[in-house]
Amino acid sequence: MPHRGTSSLSKFDLTGKAALVTGGARGIGLQIALTLQEAGAEIILTDADGVSLADVADRFPVKPQVYQLDVTASQAIRDLAGKIGSCPDILVNNAGVSRAAPTSQTTDEDWRFVLSVNLDGVFYCSRTFGSLMAERGSGSIVNISSMCSEIVTRQEPSVVTAYNASKAGVNMVTKTLACEWARSGVRVNAVAPGFVASDMTHKLPQEQIKSWSEQTPMGRFAQPHEIASAVHFLASDASSYMTGAVLSVDGGFTCW
């Protein structure tokens, strides 16, 4: 009889599974892909930036499959499914953008761009790969949402109406697809990070980083690996009875 601890830990093992991660050339997406590979998964890495994608491939112990992909182009996603040839076991919809500006200064193009990448991209990728998973009878989709899907943070000095709206949409897409595909063996969950230390946030003024850290109960930003660990959990059999969940990983920010 196997040791109970070993049996439990084996549920996190992704050996023999393929994981497709969008927006994987940097930041959270890159760390998610590295973490899933460490757990045994074969990685399929996509990003709109083909140059950065090629550069990061060498950072993996086992070189991933890499594909340049614009998640706002539904036909390109269908074409990618054909190139891969088999449906991945795990889909991580990580690709996302933000354009911060007061609402009065948010252009139509800014609004559509943010909604198209953050929300349309999640739907298009889920529609293509999730449908294939449902036909097969198994799969796990993890969407990257945000604590801003539920709350409005104190932006200094700008606001992100489009970003917040897009992430709220991601939560509802997550819950709806979870219900639709639950009996098909496909689980759909989301991770809602708080402030994360990344290339993007490192460029912020130090006083802004200090202010946001002080507003967080844990007093700091998350590290990318802390978000990746939550994604690993939801992608694995360790979360086998979870679907439609939005898992907060925000240092307690939404508890205030």
C-alpha atoms as a PDB file:
ATOM      1  CA  MET A   1       0.000   0.000   0.000  1.00  0.00           C
ATOM      2  CA  PRO A   2       1.551   3.363  -1.034  1.00  0.00           C
ATOM      3  CA  HIS A   3       2.533   5.867   1.619  1.00  0.00           C
ATOM      4  CA  ARG A   4      -0.360   8.278   2.099  1.00  0.00           C
ATOM      5  CA  GLY A   5       1.836  11.370   1.697  1.00  0.00           C
ATOM      6  CA  THR A   6       3.342  10.044  -1.533  1.00  0.00           C
ATOM      7  CA  SER A   7      -0.099   9.260  -2.909  1.00  0.00           C
ATOM      8  CA  SER A   8      -1.305  12.774  -2.163  1.00  0.00           C
ATOM      9  CA  LEU A   9       1.759  14.417  -3.676  1.00  0.00           C
ATOM     10  CA  SER A  10       1.403  12.304  -6.823  1.00  0.00           C
ATOM     11  CA  LYS A  11      -1.770  14.247  -7.627  1.00  0.00           C
ATOM     12  CA  PHE A  12       0.438  17.241  -8.444  1.00  0.00           C
ATOM     13  CA  ASP A  13       2.468  15.220 -10.958  1.00  0.00           C
ATOM     14  CA  LEU A  14       1.851  16.350 -14.552  1.00  0.00           C
ATOM     15  CA  THR A  15       4.045  13.772 -16.233  1.00  0.00           C
ATOM     16  CA  GLY A  16       2.589  12.708 -19.568  1.00  0.00           C
ATOM     17  CA  LYS A  17       0.402  15.801 -19.855  1.00  0.00           C
ATOM     18  CA  ALA A  18       0.750  18.682 -22.314  1.00  0.00           C
ATOM     19  CA  ALA A  19       0.143  22.260 -21.145  1.00  0.00           C
ATOM     20  CA  LEU A  20      -0.478  25.209 -23.462  1.00  0.00           C
ATOM     21  CA  VAL A  21       0.324  28.600 -21.908  1.00  0.00           C
ATOM     22  CA  THR A  22      -0.582  31.841 -23.688  1.00  0.00           C
ATOM     23  CA  GLY A  23       1.365  35.041 -23.091  1.00  0.00           C
ATOM     24  CA  GLY A  24       4.298  32.928 -21.976  1.00  0.00           C
ATOM     25  CA  ALA A  25       7.284  35.005 -23.088  1.00  0.00           C
ATOM     26  CA  ARG A  26       7.662  36.914 -19.831  1.00  0.00           C
ATOM     27  CA  GLY A  27       6.417  37.565 -16.324  1.00  0.00           C
ATOM     28  CA  ILE A  28       3.702  35.401 -14.818  1.00  0.00           C
ATOM     29  CA  GLY A  29       3.144  33.395 -17.993  1.00  0.00           C
ATOM     30  CA  LEU A  30       6.798  32.398 -18.262  1.00  0.00           C
ATOM     31  CA  GLN A  31       6.927  31.360 -14.612  1.00  0.00           C
ATOM     32  CA  ILE A  32       3.730  29.334 -14.993  1.00  0.00           C
ATOM     33  CA  ALA A  33       5.240  27.449 -17.918  1.00  0.00           C
ATOM     34  CA  LEU A  34       8.483  26.791 -16.018  1.00  0.00           C
ATOM     35  CA  THR A  35       6.546  25.547 -12.992  1.00  0.00           C
ATOM     36  CA  LEU A  36       4.323  23.229 -15.016  1.00  0.00           C
ATOM     37  CA  GLN A  37       7.356  21.784 -16.792  1.00  0.00           C
ATOM     38  CA  GLU A  38       9.048  21.198 -13.437  1.00  0.00           C
ATOM     39  CA  ALA A  39       5.939  19.209 -12.476  1.00  0.00           C
ATOM     40  CA  GLY A  40       6.430  17.024 -15.537  1.00  0.00           C
ATOM     41  CA  ALA A  41       4.290  18.645 -18.232  1.00  0.00           C
ATOM     42  CA  GLU A  42       5.265  19.037 -21.857  1.00  0.00           C
ATOM     43  CA  ILE A  43       5.037  22.781 -22.554  1.00  0.00           C
ATOM     44  CA  ILE A  44       3.491  24.505 -25.548  1.00  0.00           C
ATOM     45  CA  LEU A  45       4.402  28.176 -25.212  1.00  0.00           C
ATOM     46  CA  THR A  46       2.688  30.962 -27.147  1.00  0.00           C
ATOM     47  CA  ASP A  47       3.017  34.729 -27.230  1.00  0.00           C
ATOM     48  CA  ALA A  48       2.259  37.555 -29.618  1.00  0.00           C
ATOM     49  CA  ASP A  49       5.932  38.597 -29.414  1.00  0.00           C
ATOM     50  CA  GLY A  50       7.757  36.007 -31.459  1.00  0.00           C
ATOM     51  CA  VAL A  51      11.222  37.455 -30.789  1.00  0.00           C
ATOM     52  CA  SER A  52      10.875  37.308 -26.997  1.00  0.00           C
ATOM     53  CA  LEU A  53       9.342  33.851 -27.297  1.00  0.00           C
ATOM     54  CA  ALA A  54      12.397  32.524 -29.119  1.00  0.00           C
ATOM     55  CA  ASP A  55      14.709  34.134 -26.548  1.00  0.00           C
ATOM     56  CA  VAL A  56      13.086  32.509 -23.503  1.00  0.00           C
ATOM     57  CA  ALA A  57      12.880  28.997 -24.957  1.00  0.00           C
ATOM     58  CA  ASP A  58      16.456  28.314 -23.846  1.00  0.00           C
ATOM     59  CA  ARG A  59      15.516  28.986 -20.213  1.00  0.00           C
ATOM     60  CA  PHE A  60      13.638  25.692 -20.058  1.00  0.00           C
ATOM     61  CA  PRO A  61      15.421  22.465 -19.049  1.00  0.00           C
ATOM     62  CA  VAL A  62      13.431  20.772 -21.809  1.00  0.00           C
ATOM     63  CA  LYS A  63      12.862  23.063 -24.768  1.00  0.00           C
ATOM     64  CA  PRO A  64       9.146  23.761 -25.240  1.00  0.00           C
ATOM     65  CA  GLN A  65       7.199  23.937 -28.442  1.00  0.00           C
ATOM     66  CA  VAL A  66       6.888  27.649 -29.253  1.00  0.00           C
ATOM     67  CA  TYR A  67       4.331  29.378 -31.462  1.00  0.00           C
ATOM     68  CA  GLN A  68       3.726  33.038 -32.113  1.00  0.00           C
ATOM     69  CA  LEU A  69       0.033  33.621 -31.458  1.00  0.00           C
ATOM     70  CA  ASP A  70      -2.311  36.596 -31.387  1.00  0.00           C
ATOM     71  CA  VAL A  71      -5.113  35.461 -29.073  1.00  0.00           C
ATOM     72  CA  THR A  72      -7.473  38.056 -30.578  1.00  0.00           C
ATOM     73  CA  ALA A  73      -7.389  36.188 -33.916  1.00  0.00           C
ATOM     74  CA  SER A  74      -9.789  33.269 -33.647  1.00  0.00           C
ATOM     75  CA  GLN A  75      -8.689  31.692 -36.927  1.00  0.00           C
ATOM     76  CA  ALA A  76      -5.050  31.753 -35.785  1.00  0.00           C
ATOM     77  CA  ILE A  77      -6.084  29.793 -32.691  1.00  0.00           C
ATOM     78  CA  ARG A  78      -7.882  27.212 -34.801  1.00  0.00           C
ATOM     79  CA  ASP A  79      -4.807  27.004 -37.036  1.00  0.00           C
ATOM     80  CA  LEU A  80      -2.618  26.449 -33.972  1.00  0.00           C
ATOM     81  CA  ALA A  81      -4.812  23.541 -32.899  1.00  0.00           C
ATOM     82  CA  GLY A  82      -4.144  21.979 -36.282  1.00  0.00           C
ATOM     83  CA  LYS A  83      -0.381  22.538 -35.995  1.00  0.00           C
ATOM     84  CA  ILE A  84      -0.218  20.965 -32.542  1.00  0.00           C
ATOM     85  CA  GLY A  85      -2.104  17.957 -33.819  1.00  0.00           C
ATOM     86  CA  SER A  86      -3.432  16.809 -30.461  1.00  0.00           C
ATOM     87  CA  CYS A  87      -5.428  18.603 -27.813  1.00  0.00           C
ATOM     88  CA  PRO A  88      -3.421  19.725 -24.769  1.00  0.00           C
ATOM     89  CA  ASP A  89      -4.444  18.386 -21.375  1.00  0.00           C
ATOM     90  CA  ILE A  90      -4.047  21.817 -19.755  1.00  0.00           C
ATOM     91  CA  LEU A  91      -4.790  25.284 -21.109  1.00  0.00           C
ATOM     92  CA  VAL A  92      -3.613  28.363 -19.224  1.00  0.00           C
ATOM     93  CA  ASN A  93      -5.177  31.538 -20.585  1.00  0.00           C
ATOM     94  CA  ASN A  94      -2.591  33.998 -19.312  1.00  0.00           C
ATOM     95  CA  ALA A  95      -2.197  36.523 -22.150  1.00  0.00           C
ATOM     96  CA  GLY A  96      -3.293  39.945 -20.946  1.00  0.00           C
ATOM     97  CA  VAL A  97      -2.715  43.676 -21.313  1.00  0.00           C
ATOM     98  CA  SER A  98      -3.604  46.919 -19.580  1.00  0.00           C
ATOM     99  CA  ARG A  99      -3.760  50.511 -20.757  1.00  0.00           C
ATOM    100  CA  ALA A 100      -4.236  52.789 -17.784  1.00  0.00           C
ATOM    101  CA  ALA A 101      -5.953  56.112 -18.333  1.00  0.00           C
ATOM    102  CA  PRO A 102      -8.863  58.073 -16.872  1.00  0.00           C
ATOM    103  CA  THR A 103     -12.117  57.049 -18.554  1.00  0.00           C
ATOM    104  CA  SER A 104     -12.445  60.434 -20.260  1.00  0.00           C
ATOM    105  CA  GLN A 105      -9.084  59.779 -21.947  1.00  0.00           C
ATOM    106  CA  THR A 106      -9.664  56.123 -22.830  1.00  0.00           C
ATOM    107  CA  THR A 107     -10.027  55.869 -26.590  1.00  0.00           C
ATOM    108  CA  ASP A 108     -12.252  53.435 -28.443  1.00  0.00           C
ATOM    109  CA  GLU A 109      -9.096  51.684 -29.640  1.00  0.00           C
ATOM    110  CA  ASP A 110      -7.732  51.339 -26.090  1.00  0.00           C
ATOM    111  CA  TRP A 111     -11.036  49.949 -24.828  1.00  0.00           C
ATOM    112  CA  ARG A 112     -11.370  47.415 -27.635  1.00  0.00           C
ATOM    113  CA  PHE A 113      -7.711  46.358 -27.441  1.00  0.00           C
ATOM    114  CA  VAL A 114      -7.859  45.542 -23.734  1.00  0.00           C
ATOM    115  CA  LEU A 115     -11.212  43.746 -23.980  1.00  0.00           C
ATOM    116  CA  SER A 116     -10.087  41.881 -27.091  1.00  0.00           C
ATOM    117  CA  VAL A 117      -6.879  40.485 -25.570  1.00  0.00           C
ATOM    118  CA  ASN A 118      -8.091  39.904 -22.024  1.00  0.00           C
ATOM    119  CA  LEU A 119     -11.613  38.640 -22.650  1.00  0.00           C
ATOM    120  CA  ASP A 120     -12.003  37.677 -26.309  1.00  0.00           C
ATOM    121  CA  GLY A 121      -8.677  35.821 -26.146  1.00  0.00           C
ATOM    122  CA  VAL A 122      -9.822  33.728 -23.185  1.00  0.00           C
ATOM    123  CA  PHE A 123     -13.074  32.892 -24.936  1.00  0.00           C
ATOM    124  CA  TYR A 124     -11.488  32.094 -28.317  1.00  0.00           C
ATOM    125  CA  CYS A 125      -8.803  29.821 -26.821  1.00  0.00           C
ATOM    126  CA  SER A 126     -11.296  28.116 -24.522  1.00  0.00           C
ATOM    127  CA  ARG A 127     -13.784  27.619 -27.348  1.00  0.00           C
ATOM    128  CA  THR A 128     -11.193  25.930 -29.541  1.00  0.00           C
ATOM    129  CA  PHE A 129      -9.237  23.843 -27.033  1.00  0.00           C
ATOM    130  CA  GLY A 130     -11.966  23.411 -24.416  1.00  0.00           C
ATOM    131  CA  SER A 131     -14.334  21.993 -27.024  1.00  0.00           C
ATOM    132  CA  LEU A 132     -11.667  19.491 -28.028  1.00  0.00           C
ATOM    133  CA  MET A 133     -11.127  18.596 -24.377  1.00  0.00           C
ATOM    134  CA  ALA A 134     -14.858  18.036 -23.945  1.00  0.00           C
ATOM    135  CA  GLU A 135     -14.921  15.734 -26.961  1.00  0.00           C
ATOM    136  CA  ARG A 136     -12.017  13.768 -25.486  1.00  0.00           C
ATOM    137  CA  GLY A 137     -13.585  13.712 -22.021  1.00  0.00           C
ATOM    138  CA  SER A 138     -10.826  15.352 -19.964  1.00  0.00           C
ATOM    139  CA  GLY A 139      -8.932  18.584 -19.489  1.00  0.00           C
ATOM    140  CA  SER A 140      -8.194  21.492 -17.184  1.00  0.00           C
ATOM    141  CA  ILE A 141      -8.441  25.164 -18.122  1.00  0.00           C
ATOM    142  CA  VAL A 142      -6.986  27.834 -15.835  1.00  0.00           C
ATOM    143  CA  ASN A 143      -7.740  31.469 -16.619  1.00  0.00           C
ATOM    144  CA  ILE A 144      -5.711  34.336 -15.197  1.00  0.00           C
ATOM    145  CA  SER A 145      -8.131  36.863 -13.781  1.00  0.00           C
ATOM    146  CA  SER A 146      -7.317  39.600 -11.238  1.00  0.00           C
ATOM    147  CA  MET A 147      -8.457  40.901  -7.892  1.00  0.00           C
ATOM    148  CA  CYS A 148      -9.614  43.857 -10.004  1.00  0.00           C
ATOM    149  CA  SER A 149     -12.381  41.607 -11.307  1.00  0.00           C
ATOM    150  CA  GLU A 150     -14.119  42.151  -7.966  1.00  0.00           C
ATOM    151  CA  ILE A 151     -12.823  45.429  -6.561  1.00  0.00           C
ATOM    152  CA  VAL A 152     -11.638  48.834  -7.708  1.00  0.00           C
ATOM    153  CA  THR A 153      -8.168  49.567  -6.345  1.00  0.00           C
ATOM    154  CA  ARG A 154      -6.952  53.052  -5.527  1.00  0.00           C
ATOM    155  CA  GLN A 155      -5.151  53.820  -8.754  1.00  0.00           C
ATOM    156  CA  GLU A 156      -2.438  56.461  -8.516  1.00  0.00           C
ATOM    157  CA  PRO A 157      -2.903  58.503 -10.642  1.00  0.00           C
ATOM    158  CA  SER A 158      -4.921  56.642 -13.304  1.00  0.00           C
ATOM    159  CA  VAL A 159      -7.801  54.186 -13.489  1.00  0.00           C
ATOM    160  CA  VAL A 160      -8.204  51.046 -15.555  1.00  0.00           C
ATOM    161  CA  THR A 161     -11.889  50.708 -16.392  1.00  0.00           C
ATOM    162  CA  ALA A 162     -11.275  48.494 -19.423  1.00  0.00           C
ATOM    163  CA  TYR A 163      -8.943  46.179 -17.527  1.00  0.00           C
ATOM    164  CA  ASN A 164     -11.334  45.768 -14.613  1.00  0.00           C
ATOM    165  CA  ALA A 165     -14.276  45.097 -16.911  1.00  0.00           C
ATOM    166  CA  SER A 166     -12.305  42.525 -18.901  1.00  0.00           C
ATOM    167  CA  LYS A 167     -11.245  40.595 -15.808  1.00  0.00           C
ATOM    168  CA  ALA A 168     -14.790  40.584 -14.420  1.00  0.00           C
ATOM    169  CA  GLY A 169     -15.774  39.053 -17.750  1.00  0.00           C
ATOM    170  CA  VAL A 170     -13.081  36.401 -17.390  1.00  0.00           C
ATOM    171  CA  ASN A 171     -14.627  35.319 -14.084  1.00  0.00           C
ATOM    172  CA  MET A 172     -18.056  34.867 -15.627  1.00  0.00           C
ATOM    173  CA  VAL A 173     -16.676  33.045 -18.674  1.00  0.00           C
ATOM    174  CA  THR A 174     -14.867  30.753 -16.228  1.00  0.00           C
ATOM    175  CA  LYS A 175     -18.023  29.953 -14.272  1.00  0.00           C
ATOM    176  CA  THR A 176     -20.207  29.532 -17.356  1.00  0.00           C
ATOM    177  CA  LEU A 177     -17.822  27.180 -19.152  1.00  0.00           C
ATOM    178  CA  ALA A 178     -17.294  25.258 -15.921  1.00  0.00           C
ATOM    179  CA  CYS A 179     -21.020  24.510 -15.766  1.00  0.00           C
ATOM    180  CA  GLU A 180     -21.272  23.738 -19.476  1.00  0.00           C
ATOM    181  CA  TRP A 181     -18.395  21.258 -19.532  1.00  0.00           C
ATOM    182  CA  ALA A 182     -18.498  19.832 -15.992  1.00  0.00           C
ATOM    183  CA  ARG A 183     -20.022  16.500 -17.048  1.00  0.00           C
ATOM    184  CA  SER A 184     -17.672  16.259 -20.008  1.00  0.00           C
ATOM    185  CA  GLY A 185     -14.660  15.839 -17.739  1.00  0.00           C
ATOM    186  CA  VAL A 186     -13.338  19.366 -18.282  1.00  0.00           C
ATOM    187  CA  ARG A 187     -12.657  21.642 -15.316  1.00  0.00           C
ATOM    188  CA  VAL A 188     -12.467  25.424 -15.721  1.00  0.00           C
ATOM    189  CA  ASN A 189     -11.077  27.594 -12.930  1.00  0.00           C
ATOM    190  CA  ALA A 190      -9.353  30.942 -12.530  1.00  0.00           C
ATOM    191  CA  VAL A 191      -6.612  32.509 -10.439  1.00  0.00           C
ATOM    192  CA  ALA A 192      -7.116  36.130  -9.364  1.00  0.00           C
ATOM    193  CA  PRO A 193      -3.734  37.652  -8.474  1.00  0.00           C
ATOM    194  CA  GLY A 194      -3.167  40.841  -6.560  1.00  0.00           C
ATOM    195  CA  PHE A 195      -0.142  43.046  -7.202  1.00  0.00           C
ATOM    196  CA  VAL A 196       2.718  40.986  -8.643  1.00  0.00           C
ATOM    197  CA  ALA A 197       6.392  41.900  -8.860  1.00  0.00           C
ATOM    198  CA  SER A 198       7.154  41.830 -12.590  1.00  0.00           C
ATOM    199  CA  ASP A 199       8.969  43.731 -15.321  1.00  0.00           C
ATOM    200  CA  MET A 200       5.891  45.933 -15.629  1.00  0.00           C
ATOM    201  CA  THR A 201       5.515  46.803 -11.951  1.00  0.00           C
ATOM    202  CA  HIS A 202       9.252  47.327 -11.476  1.00  0.00           C
ATOM    203  CA  LYS A 203       8.901  50.343 -13.776  1.00  0.00           C
ATOM    204  CA  LEU A 204       6.394  51.998 -11.450  1.00  0.00           C
ATOM    205  CA  PRO A 205       7.484  54.874  -9.191  1.00  0.00           C
ATOM    206  CA  GLN A 206       8.797  53.598  -5.861  1.00  0.00           C
ATOM    207  CA  GLU A 207       6.250  55.644  -3.934  1.00  0.00           C
ATOM    208  CA  GLN A 208       3.452  53.875  -5.827  1.00  0.00           C
ATOM    209  CA  ILE A 209       4.910  50.436  -5.114  1.00  0.00           C
ATOM    210  CA  LYS A 210       5.282  51.406  -1.442  1.00  0.00           C
ATOM    211  CA  SER A 211       1.680  52.648  -1.281  1.00  0.00           C
ATOM    212  CA  TRP A 212       0.228  49.508  -2.884  1.00  0.00           C
ATOM    213  CA  SER A 213       2.360  47.278  -0.664  1.00  0.00           C
ATOM    214  CA  GLU A 214       1.087  49.087   2.428  1.00  0.00           C
ATOM    215  CA  GLN A 215      -2.506  48.589   1.230  1.00  0.00           C
ATOM    216  CA  THR A 216      -1.902  44.807   1.075  1.00  0.00           C
ATOM    217  CA  PRO A 217      -2.350  42.946   4.385  1.00  0.00           C
ATOM    218  CA  MET A 218       0.802  40.885   3.775  1.00  0.00           C
ATOM    219  CA  GLY A 219       2.690  44.111   3.072  1.00  0.00           C
ATOM    220  CA  ARG A 220       4.288  43.131  -0.224  1.00  0.00           C
ATOM    221  CA  PHE A 221       3.751  42.226  -3.858  1.00  0.00           C
ATOM    222  CA  ALA A 222       3.490  38.571  -4.904  1.00  0.00           C
ATOM    223  CA  GLN A 223       6.364  36.892  -6.678  1.00  0.00           C
ATOM    224  CA  PRO A 224       5.474  35.241 -10.023  1.00  0.00           C
ATOM    225  CA  HIS A 225       6.217  31.764  -8.637  1.00  0.00           C
ATOM    226  CA  GLU A 226       3.503  32.261  -6.014  1.00  0.00           C
ATOM    227  CA  ILE A 227       0.918  32.755  -8.750  1.00  0.00           C
ATOM    228  CA  ALA A 228       2.353  29.854 -10.736  1.00  0.00           C
ATOM    229  CA  SER A 229       1.956  27.499  -7.765  1.00  0.00           C
ATOM    230  CA  ALA A 230      -1.769  28.270  -7.599  1.00  0.00           C
ATOM    231  CA  VAL A 231      -2.086  27.605 -11.332  1.00  0.00           C
ATOM    232  CA  HIS A 232      -0.235  24.300 -10.894  1.00  0.00           C
ATOM    233  CA  PHE A 233      -2.724  23.275  -8.196  1.00  0.00           C
ATOM    234  CA  LEU A 234      -5.749  24.045 -10.371  1.00  0.00           C
ATOM    235  CA  ALA A 235      -4.197  22.378 -13.406  1.00  0.00           C
ATOM    236  CA  SER A 236      -3.452  19.169 -11.501  1.00  0.00           C
ATOM    237  CA  ASP A 237      -5.532  16.321 -10.125  1.00  0.00           C
ATOM    238  CA  ALA A 238      -5.009  17.780  -6.644  1.00  0.00           C
ATOM    239  CA  SER A 239      -7.975  20.068  -7.429  1.00  0.00           C
ATOM    240  CA  SER A 240     -10.080  17.344  -9.056  1.00  0.00           C
ATOM    241  CA  TYR A 241     -13.350  18.431  -7.401  1.00  0.00           C
ATOM    242  CA  MET A 242     -12.897  22.127  -8.192  1.00  0.00           C
ATOM    243  CA  THR A 243     -14.525  23.797 -11.173  1.00  0.00           C
ATOM    244  CA  GLY A 244     -15.897  27.283 -11.614  1.00  0.00           C
ATOM    245  CA  ALA A 245     -13.702  28.582  -8.795  1.00  0.00           C
ATOM    246  CA  VAL A 246     -11.912  31.931  -8.792  1.00  0.00           C
ATOM    247  CA  LEU A 247      -8.949  31.469  -6.468  1.00  0.00           C
ATOM    248  CA  SER A 248      -7.714  34.701  -4.873  1.00  0.00           C
ATOM    249  CA  VAL A 249      -3.927  34.992  -4.580  1.00  0.00           C
ATOM    250  CA  ASP A 250      -3.701  38.605  -3.471  1.00  0.00           C
ATOM    251  CA  GLY A 251      -1.939  38.729  -0.115  1.00  0.00           C
ATOM    252  CA  GLY A 252      -5.271  39.364   1.560  1.00  0.00           C
ATOM    253  CA  PHE A 253      -6.011  42.554  -0.386  1.00  0.00           C
ATOM    254  CA  THR A 254      -9.670  41.707  -1.034  1.00  0.00           C
ATOM    255  CA  CYS A 255     -10.223  40.924   2.672  1.00  0.00           C
ATOM    256  CA  TRP A 256     -10.254  44.599   3.680  1.00  0.00           C
END
